[in-house]
Amino acid sequence: MRLKDRNCLVTGSNRGIGAGIALRLADEGANVALVYLEGDLEVESVATQIRHRGRTALVFRTDLRDPQALHAMMTQVIAEFGDLHLLVNNAGIGLFAPFLETSLEAWNDTINTNLRAAFLCSQIAARHMAERKFGRIVHITSTLSQVAAPNLAPYCASKAALAMLTKAMAAELGPLGIRVNAVGPGTIRTQLNAALLDTDEMEAREAALIPTRRIGHSDDIAAMVAFLASDEADQINGQNILVDGGLTALSPQPPYLNANK
């Protein structure tokens, strides 16, 4: 119960990593505002599970690409909770296309969802937190904030920018009692990629790339977010912590140099 009676907001929290984070925060004693765009039944299921834990769950359907809708949502969350102690910017999209075929619309949708929304939500939350000299903000980045992947140029750019935004915010907001960090997931099993991973060949191929030899779960990310939100992490600020099983610790090697079977 490290977060007992604290009020948290998690964007993109109807499923996958966001839902896992929301449920872990509730397990730690927090009340949670769930923000989503699609998936009414999914978000209601998460809200019900939070309430069964004896915590308050608020639900907001919001298009985070719309600054006015975003501002209205943030204002209402703060008004209903009275205080906001933790913001988790998890909502994100990744549109696959070769760089030379990436449309301006795809670029704008990705940047506006992954980066601009996090900036705007954080700015509103931080103004509130600064008045109280206490707050925690956690951005969900990616291993692709540090290394690139083909056909995901807007996503890679948005996550790298979010990692640097984390540092800039931490430098400015630290003196105001606000700690800002980021968590970068590696390969994580979610509802969206389960069909792809649920083949022996793909599962084995992906796991073989990771030093821990397993695919990550949303619980791995949620545990790190809960820690960063707690008082135990009070001196951790401005970090982009990759939870990837050591994937980005390695550079690609030819087979004859790879001794780790």
Protein backbone atom coordinates (compact mmCIF):
# COMPACT_ATOMS: atom_id res chain seq x y z
CA MET A 1 0.00 0.00 0.00
CA ARG A 2 2.78 2.42 -0.93
CA LEU A 3 0.29 4.69 -2.70
CA LYS A 4 -2.53 4.59 -0.16
CA ASP A 5 -5.15 7.30 -0.83
CA ARG A 6 -3.16 8.90 -3.62
CA ASN A 7 -5.02 9.95 -6.76
CA CYS A 8 -3.63 8.86 -10.11
CA LEU A 9 -4.48 9.35 -13.77
CA VAL A 10 -3.44 6.85 -16.43
CA THR A 11 -4.01 7.55 -20.11
CA GLY A 12 -4.64 4.69 -22.50
CA SER A 13 -5.75 2.55 -19.57
CA ASN A 14 -8.51 0.42 -21.05
CA ARG A 15 -6.20 -2.48 -21.96
CA GLY A 16 -2.64 -3.74 -22.24
CA ILE A 17 0.12 -1.93 -20.41
CA GLY A 18 -2.15 0.93 -19.34
CA ALA A 19 -4.69 -1.40 -17.75
CA GLY A 20 -1.91 -3.30 -16.00
CA ILE A 21 -0.54 -0.05 -14.58
CA ALA A 22 -3.96 1.11 -13.40
CA LEU A 23 -4.65 -2.16 -11.59
CA ARG A 24 -1.22 -2.23 -9.95
CA LEU A 25 -1.68 1.34 -8.68
CA ALA A 26 -5.03 0.32 -7.20
CA ASP A 27 -3.35 -2.68 -5.56
CA GLU A 28 -0.93 -0.17 -3.99
CA GLY A 29 -3.87 1.78 -2.53
CA ALA A 30 -4.42 4.46 -5.16
CA ASN A 31 -7.57 5.84 -6.70
CA VAL A 32 -7.34 5.86 -10.49
CA ALA A 33 -8.80 7.94 -13.31
CA LEU A 34 -8.93 5.87 -16.50
CA VAL A 35 -8.62 7.74 -19.79
CA TYR A 36 -9.28 5.96 -23.08
CA LEU A 37 -10.60 6.51 -26.60
CA GLU A 38 -11.99 3.16 -27.74
CA GLY A 39 -13.08 0.04 -25.89
CA ASP A 40 -16.02 0.84 -23.59
CA LEU A 41 -16.39 -2.71 -22.30
CA GLU A 42 -12.67 -3.03 -21.66
CA VAL A 43 -12.40 0.16 -19.63
CA GLU A 44 -15.49 -0.69 -17.60
CA SER A 45 -13.94 -4.04 -16.76
CA VAL A 46 -10.80 -2.30 -15.49
CA ALA A 47 -12.89 0.19 -13.51
CA THR A 48 -14.91 -2.63 -11.93
CA GLN A 49 -11.73 -4.42 -10.86
CA ILE A 50 -10.41 -1.23 -9.27
CA ARG A 51 -13.66 -0.70 -7.37
CA HIS A 52 -13.59 -4.31 -6.19
CA ARG A 53 -10.24 -3.44 -4.61
CA GLY A 54 -12.01 -0.77 -2.57
CA ARG A 55 -10.60 2.15 -4.58
CA THR A 56 -12.28 4.90 -6.59
CA ALA A 57 -12.24 4.59 -10.38
CA LEU A 58 -13.18 7.49 -12.67
CA VAL A 59 -13.66 6.89 -16.39
CA PHE A 60 -13.14 9.47 -19.15
CA ARG A 61 -13.48 8.87 -22.87
CA THR A 62 -11.19 11.48 -24.43
CA ASP A 63 -9.45 12.02 -27.75
CA LEU A 64 -6.07 13.21 -26.54
CA ARG A 65 -5.30 14.60 -30.00
CA ASP A 66 -7.91 17.31 -29.27
CA PRO A 67 -6.33 19.91 -26.93
CA GLN A 68 -9.70 21.28 -25.81
CA ALA A 69 -11.06 17.84 -24.94
CA LEU A 70 -7.80 17.02 -23.17
CA HIS A 71 -7.93 20.21 -21.10
CA ALA A 72 -11.57 19.59 -20.13
CA MET A 73 -10.74 16.02 -19.06
CA MET A 74 -7.76 17.06 -16.94
CA THR A 75 -9.75 19.84 -15.29
CA GLN A 76 -12.58 17.45 -14.43
CA VAL A 77 -10.25 14.78 -13.04
CA ILE A 78 -8.58 17.28 -10.72
CA ALA A 79 -11.96 18.71 -9.69
CA GLU A 80 -13.45 15.29 -8.88
CA PHE A 81 -10.40 13.98 -7.05
CA GLY A 82 -9.58 17.29 -5.39
CA ASP A 83 -5.89 16.39 -5.66
CA LEU A 84 -3.80 14.69 -8.32
CA HIS A 85 -0.63 13.03 -7.09
CA LEU A 86 0.44 10.94 -10.09
CA LEU A 87 0.09 11.25 -13.86
CA VAL A 88 1.05 8.35 -16.12
CA ASN A 89 1.24 9.28 -19.80
CA ASN A 90 0.79 5.86 -21.37
CA ALA A 91 -1.46 6.47 -24.40
CA GLY A 92 0.34 5.92 -27.66
CA ILE A 93 0.00 4.70 -31.21
CA GLY A 94 2.45 3.24 -33.72
CA LEU A 95 1.60 3.27 -37.41
CA PHE A 96 3.69 0.96 -39.62
CA ALA A 97 4.88 2.42 -42.93
CA PRO A 98 8.17 2.85 -44.74
CA PHE A 99 9.69 6.27 -44.15
CA LEU A 100 9.30 7.28 -47.81
CA GLU A 101 5.59 6.36 -47.68
CA THR A 102 4.72 7.87 -44.30
CA SER A 103 1.95 10.42 -44.71
CA LEU A 104 1.78 13.76 -42.93
CA GLU A 105 -1.48 12.58 -41.36
CA ALA A 106 0.24 9.53 -39.86
CA TRP A 107 3.09 11.70 -38.61
CA ASN A 108 0.73 14.20 -36.99
CA ASP A 109 -1.48 11.54 -35.39
CA THR A 110 1.56 9.82 -33.87
CA ILE A 111 3.27 12.98 -32.61
CA ASN A 112 0.02 14.46 -31.29
CA THR A 113 -0.91 11.26 -29.42
CA ASN A 114 2.49 10.16 -28.15
CA LEU A 115 4.19 13.49 -27.50
CA ARG A 116 1.93 16.53 -27.59
CA ALA A 117 -0.74 14.91 -25.40
CA ALA A 118 1.89 13.96 -22.81
CA PHE A 119 3.22 17.52 -22.86
CA LEU A 120 -0.24 19.06 -22.40
CA CYS A 121 -1.40 16.60 -19.71
CA SER A 122 1.88 17.08 -17.85
CA GLN A 123 1.71 20.85 -18.00
CA ILE A 124 -1.79 20.95 -16.52
CA ALA A 125 -0.96 18.35 -13.88
CA ALA A 126 2.34 20.01 -12.95
CA ARG A 127 0.72 23.40 -12.38
CA HIS A 128 -1.62 21.73 -9.90
CA MET A 129 1.17 19.68 -8.29
CA ALA A 130 3.46 22.70 -7.98
CA GLU A 131 0.91 24.47 -5.80
CA ARG A 132 1.12 21.54 -3.37
CA LYS A 133 4.89 21.00 -3.71
CA PHE A 134 4.32 17.32 -4.49
CA GLY A 135 3.75 15.22 -7.57
CA ARG A 136 4.94 12.35 -9.70
CA ILE A 137 4.82 12.14 -13.50
CA VAL A 138 5.77 9.00 -15.40
CA HIS A 139 5.96 8.84 -19.19
CA ILE A 140 5.78 5.48 -20.96
CA THR A 141 8.41 5.57 -23.68
CA SER A 142 9.87 2.51 -25.40
CA THR A 143 13.15 0.83 -26.18
CA LEU A 144 12.62 2.68 -29.48
CA SER A 145 13.40 5.88 -27.63
CA GLN A 146 17.01 4.65 -27.68
CA VAL A 147 17.30 2.44 -30.76
CA ALA A 148 15.42 2.57 -34.06
CA ALA A 149 13.24 0.10 -35.95
CA PRO A 150 12.30 0.14 -39.63
CA ASN A 151 8.85 1.36 -40.70
CA LEU A 152 8.22 3.22 -37.44
CA ALA A 153 9.93 6.58 -37.95
CA PRO A 154 7.19 8.76 -36.36
CA TYR A 155 6.90 6.40 -33.37
CA CYS A 156 10.66 6.31 -32.80
CA ALA A 157 10.88 10.10 -33.08
CA SER A 158 7.98 10.64 -30.67
CA LYS A 159 9.38 8.28 -28.03
CA ALA A 160 12.90 9.71 -28.27
CA ALA A 161 11.46 13.20 -27.85
CA LEU A 162 9.39 12.02 -24.88
CA ALA A 163 12.54 10.66 -23.22
CA MET A 164 14.24 14.05 -23.61
CA LEU A 165 11.10 15.85 -22.44
CA THR A 166 11.39 13.72 -19.29
CA LYS A 167 14.84 15.15 -18.58
CA ALA A 168 13.83 18.74 -19.32
CA MET A 169 10.76 18.49 -17.09
CA ALA A 170 12.75 16.82 -14.29
CA ALA A 171 15.30 19.64 -14.30
CA GLU A 172 12.65 22.34 -14.03
CA LEU A 173 10.07 20.63 -11.83
CA GLY A 174 12.38 18.92 -9.34
CA PRO A 175 12.74 22.08 -7.21
CA LEU A 176 8.94 22.26 -7.08
CA GLY A 177 8.60 18.83 -5.47
CA ILE A 178 7.68 17.05 -8.70
CA ARG A 179 9.65 13.99 -9.82
CA VAL A 180 9.51 13.10 -13.53
CA ASN A 181 10.69 9.78 -14.96
CA ALA A 182 10.02 7.50 -17.90
CA VAL A 183 9.66 3.75 -18.32
CA GLY A 184 10.58 2.19 -21.66
CA PRO A 185 9.00 -1.20 -22.35
CA GLY A 186 10.71 -3.74 -24.55
CA THR A 187 8.75 -6.57 -26.15
CA ILE A 188 5.60 -6.89 -24.02
CA ARG A 189 2.80 -9.41 -24.45
CA THR A 190 -0.52 -7.56 -24.76
CA GLN A 191 -3.91 -8.23 -26.34
CA LEU A 192 -2.77 -6.36 -29.44
CA ASN A 193 0.25 -8.56 -30.21
CA ALA A 194 -0.84 -11.84 -28.63
CA ALA A 195 -1.96 -13.31 -31.96
CA LEU A 196 1.45 -12.55 -33.44
CA LEU A 197 3.40 -13.90 -30.48
CA ASP A 198 1.23 -16.98 -29.91
CA THR A 199 3.14 -19.14 -32.33
CA ASP A 200 6.05 -21.29 -31.23
CA GLU A 201 8.33 -19.89 -33.91
CA MET A 202 7.65 -16.22 -33.20
CA GLU A 203 7.70 -16.61 -29.42
CA ALA A 204 11.02 -18.45 -29.54
CA ARG A 205 12.54 -15.99 -32.02
CA GLU A 206 11.58 -12.95 -29.95
CA ALA A 207 12.65 -14.51 -26.65
CA ALA A 208 16.02 -15.53 -28.11
CA LEU A 209 16.84 -11.84 -28.68
CA ILE A 210 16.35 -11.01 -25.00
CA PRO A 211 19.04 -11.92 -22.43
CA THR A 212 16.42 -12.99 -19.89
CA ARG A 213 14.97 -15.27 -22.60
CA ARG A 214 11.37 -14.29 -22.05
CA ILE A 215 8.77 -11.89 -23.40
CA GLY A 216 7.77 -9.17 -20.97
CA HIS A 217 4.33 -8.73 -19.40
CA SER A 218 2.38 -5.62 -18.46
CA ASP A 219 3.07 -6.49 -14.81
CA ASP A 220 6.78 -5.85 -15.43
CA ILE A 221 6.03 -2.29 -16.51
CA ALA A 222 3.40 -1.71 -13.85
CA ALA A 223 5.82 -2.72 -11.09
CA MET A 224 8.36 -0.12 -12.23
CA VAL A 225 5.71 2.60 -12.51
CA ALA A 226 4.45 1.83 -9.00
CA PHE A 227 7.99 2.02 -7.65
CA LEU A 228 8.69 5.35 -9.34
CA ALA A 229 5.41 6.69 -7.98
CA SER A 230 6.31 5.70 -4.44
CA ASP A 231 8.32 7.60 -1.85
CA GLU A 232 11.03 4.93 -2.15
CA ALA A 233 12.00 6.49 -5.49
CA ASP A 234 12.17 10.05 -4.17
CA GLN A 235 15.74 10.59 -5.41
CA ILE A 236 15.14 9.13 -8.88
CA ASN A 237 14.44 11.97 -11.29
CA GLY A 238 14.86 12.52 -15.02
CA GLN A 239 15.49 8.85 -15.88
CA ASN A 240 14.28 6.79 -18.82
CA ILE A 241 14.37 3.28 -17.37
CA LEU A 242 14.18 0.53 -19.98
CA VAL A 243 12.34 -2.60 -18.85
CA ASP A 244 13.43 -4.85 -21.69
CA GLY A 245 15.19 -7.87 -20.20
CA GLY A 246 18.51 -6.49 -21.40
CA LEU A 247 17.51 -6.30 -25.08
CA THR A 248 19.10 -2.91 -25.68
CA ALA A 249 22.23 -3.87 -23.73
CA LEU A 250 23.29 -5.91 -26.75
CA SER A 251 24.29 -4.94 -30.26
CA PRO A 252 23.53 -7.37 -33.10
CA GLN A 253 26.25 -9.99 -33.43
CA PRO A 254 27.03 -12.53 -36.14
CA PRO A 255 26.14 -16.10 -35.11
CA TYR A 256 29.75 -17.18 -34.61
CA LEU A 257 30.20 -14.49 -31.89
CA ASN A 258 27.00 -15.31 -30.06
CA ALA A 259 27.95 -17.63 -27.20
CA ASN A 260 24.72 -17.12 -25.23
CA LYS A 261 22.50 -19.97 -26.33
